[in-house]
Amino acid sequence: QISRNSLGLNPETGLYRLIRLNGNSLGNMSVYNGKLENGKLVLDNLNDIPEGVPALRFIYSRSDNTSGFEQLVDQSLDKGKTWTPLYRIVYSKV
């Protein structure tokens, strides 16, 4: 059930790529592409999903005190025309 994530930045284009290996689905891999928008890292997999499969969008933002960050995940059933909140995770330093 362990998922592995790898995040990188292409310095030439300024675009980010998140590669997620999902342990729940026999090693399926998803690729999310995105950029910084208003101080938030916004990534989606609209270019990496087959027709009829829900798309996901990850939004990362720093908390005010920089000891953690928030991850919002939205889902789209219409190729990104509309997004519905799926879950919110808050990470904080212990």
Protein backbone atom coordinates (compact mmCIF):
# COMPACT_ATOMS: atom_id res chain seq x y z
CA GLN A 1 0.00 0.00 0.00
CA ILE A 2 2.99 2.30 -0.13
CA SER A 3 3.06 4.94 -2.82
CA ARG A 4 6.32 6.49 -3.98
CA ASN A 5 6.56 10.02 -5.35
CA SER A 6 9.37 11.75 -7.19
CA LEU A 7 9.17 15.48 -7.95
CA GLY A 8 11.49 17.30 -10.31
CA LEU A 9 11.85 20.70 -11.96
CA ASN A 10 12.97 21.27 -15.54
CA PRO A 11 15.11 24.42 -15.21
CA GLU A 12 14.85 25.17 -18.94
CA THR A 13 11.04 25.27 -19.04
CA GLY A 14 10.26 26.01 -15.37
CA LEU A 15 7.75 23.14 -15.37
CA TYR A 16 7.46 20.54 -12.62
CA ARG A 17 6.82 16.82 -13.02
CA LEU A 18 5.56 14.48 -10.28
CA ILE A 19 5.87 10.75 -10.92
CA ARG A 20 3.76 8.64 -8.58
CA LEU A 21 4.13 4.87 -8.29
CA ASN A 22 0.97 3.52 -6.65
CA GLY A 23 1.54 0.46 -4.47
CA ASN A 24 -2.20 -0.31 -4.32
CA SER A 25 -2.58 -0.96 -8.03
CA LEU A 26 0.21 -3.40 -8.80
CA GLY A 27 2.79 -0.73 -9.51
CA ASN A 28 0.78 1.55 -11.80
CA MET A 29 2.54 4.82 -12.48
CA SER A 30 0.93 8.24 -12.97
CA VAL A 31 2.64 11.34 -14.31
CA TYR A 32 1.53 14.82 -13.21
CA ASN A 33 2.79 18.01 -14.87
CA GLY A 34 2.46 21.54 -13.60
CA LYS A 35 3.87 24.87 -12.52
CA LEU A 36 3.82 27.45 -9.77
CA GLU A 37 0.62 29.51 -9.79
CA ASN A 38 0.24 32.33 -7.25
CA GLY A 39 2.76 30.71 -4.89
CA LYS A 40 1.15 27.25 -5.13
CA LEU A 41 2.45 24.23 -7.00
CA VAL A 42 -0.38 22.94 -9.22
CA LEU A 43 0.02 19.58 -11.00
CA ASP A 44 -2.45 17.45 -12.98
CA ASN A 45 -2.45 14.25 -15.02
CA LEU A 46 -4.76 15.39 -17.83
CA ASN A 47 -2.20 14.37 -20.48
CA ASP A 48 -1.52 10.95 -18.95
CA ILE A 49 -4.94 9.31 -18.57
CA PRO A 50 -7.09 7.22 -20.91
CA GLU A 51 -10.59 8.33 -21.88
CA GLY A 52 -13.18 7.73 -19.16
CA VAL A 53 -10.70 7.69 -16.26
CA PRO A 54 -11.00 10.48 -13.66
CA ALA A 55 -8.21 13.04 -13.73
CA LEU A 56 -6.53 14.25 -10.56
CA ARG A 57 -5.09 17.64 -9.69
CA PHE A 58 -2.68 18.20 -6.80
CA ILE A 59 -2.26 21.66 -5.26
CA TYR A 60 0.58 22.18 -2.78
CA SER A 61 0.94 25.29 -0.67
CA ARG A 62 3.13 26.30 2.26
CA SER A 63 1.60 27.09 5.61
CA ASP A 64 2.11 30.59 6.98
CA ASN A 65 4.78 29.51 9.44
CA THR A 66 6.66 27.35 6.83
CA SER A 67 6.81 24.38 9.21
CA GLY A 68 4.51 22.40 6.95
CA PHE A 69 2.39 22.42 3.84
CA GLU A 70 -1.10 21.58 2.62
CA GLN A 71 -2.00 19.20 -0.18
CA LEU A 72 -5.38 19.55 -1.89
CA VAL A 73 -6.50 16.90 -4.35
CA ASP A 74 -9.32 17.53 -6.81
CA GLN A 75 -10.94 15.16 -9.30
CA SER A 76 -12.28 15.88 -12.77
CA LEU A 77 -14.61 13.64 -14.76
CA ASP A 78 -14.68 15.93 -17.82
CA LYS A 79 -11.00 16.27 -18.80
CA GLY A 80 -10.37 19.27 -16.52
CA LYS A 81 -13.33 21.49 -17.42
CA THR A 82 -14.59 21.29 -13.82
CA TRP A 83 -12.90 20.09 -10.62
CA THR A 84 -14.45 18.61 -7.46
CA PRO A 85 -12.56 18.51 -4.15
CA LEU A 86 -11.53 14.95 -3.28
CA TYR A 87 -9.38 15.35 -0.15
CA ARG A 88 -7.15 17.72 1.84
CA ILE A 89 -4.02 16.74 3.78
CA VAL A 90 -2.12 19.06 6.11
CA TYR A 91 1.50 18.20 6.84
CA SER A 92 3.14 19.81 9.86
CA LYS A 93 6.47 19.52 11.62
CA VAL A 94 6.30 17.64 14.94
